[in-house]
Amino acid sequence: MNSHRIPKPDVSILAAICILLFCLEAAVLNYEHVYKATPDYSVRVLTRAIQSGDEETVTALVDDKAIAAGLFDGMASRGGGIDSLPVLQLAWAPLRDDFITDSSRLFHLTMQKEKDDADRAGAAENVRLRLQALGFPFPVSGWHYVSSRYAHKTDSSHAHMTVTLYNERLDRNLTCTIELTRTGPKQWRITGLADAPAFISEINDAWDQRLAAYNRPIQRQLDGLIKIRNVSASLVKGSNHQTFLRITYTPVFEGKPEEIREIRGVYELQRSGDHAVLYSGTLRLTPAASGKPHTSQFLLNPLIPSQYALMSRENLDDTRSQLRVTSVTRQDGTTLSLAEKLPN
């Protein structure tokens, strides 16, 4: 009778199994002790908490007031000059505080699904009014998380991460760089924007393009009536420490000037680098002979940060001037007018 022999295990198979188990154990340990300690993991936890409406976790991982403060300072700095004079900082402090408070309230109301929509709408309107006072059309709502890139640490307790967001109103993906601060062995908190002015410039460009597309049919009709050429600006020092911004421009009529009753336009002086608006003013153009240069000037106000910054300049070398016709009223009363904001 033949006895059955138990086969001996293949040493190579045992070695492979041991290596596999070791790799699995190392992977688990790496996940528990390494990946969970990264800012990337905290952002992943945050996105899940936002989706599930876990306000407690979101609050622990986001310093919403610090982000609002950074946005306000970024928008205020686009005009320049707010840090140049203590009285300007004092004048803008209440608006800054109100913006932070209202933004924080809107942030938490958005997380609280059981809250009345009217409460959220009221909070959103308050934030919009603060933004309007800054002269910046920042979309308050309609933001969605799209993706994020791996964070890179600036030191052991701080990191930066690039995040892509989608906005419904602008119908565009926008990127911003967030700042993260370590708050525990395995937790990082978003504490601000690494470059708020850059993010704001991207939003501003997207907004301008969206509004220009909306206005394109009316813009073509206006261009068929009048064009503005050779726009330039200079600073003129007056008496009593007054400073004027003097602009020159040449209107060119494509149609019949005698058929036009009134022309309105908006003049903007922008920084060449980031297109930040240093001065904006409306003016009324009178129908006149085509091709003749015209001059207008505006008295600068030292209590407005951007205008105070202009008064401190020696020249306008790094700026560009733009004069846009915004409406034309004919003698028969019909008016062609560009929209100033996107419809809801």
Foldseek 3Di string as FASTA:
>chain_A
DDDDDDDDDDPVVVVVVVVVVVVVVVVVCCVVQPVLQFAVVQVVVLVVCQVVLVLVSVVVAEPQLLAQLQLVVLLLPLLAQCPVDVVSVVVCVVLSVQLSVLRVQLVNVSSPPVDDVVSNVVSLVSNCVSCVVSVARDDSDQKDWDDKDGWDAPDPFKIKIKTWIAGPVLRDIAIFIWMWGDPDSRGIHTRYTPNSNVRSLVRRVSFVVVLCVVQVVLQVVVVQFKDKDDWDWKWDADPPRWIKIKIKIFMAGNDDLLFFDWWKKKKFKAFQPSRRTLDIDIDIDHRDDHGDMDMDMDIFDCSRRSSVVVSPDPISVRIDMDMGTAKIATPVGDMRGRDPGDDD
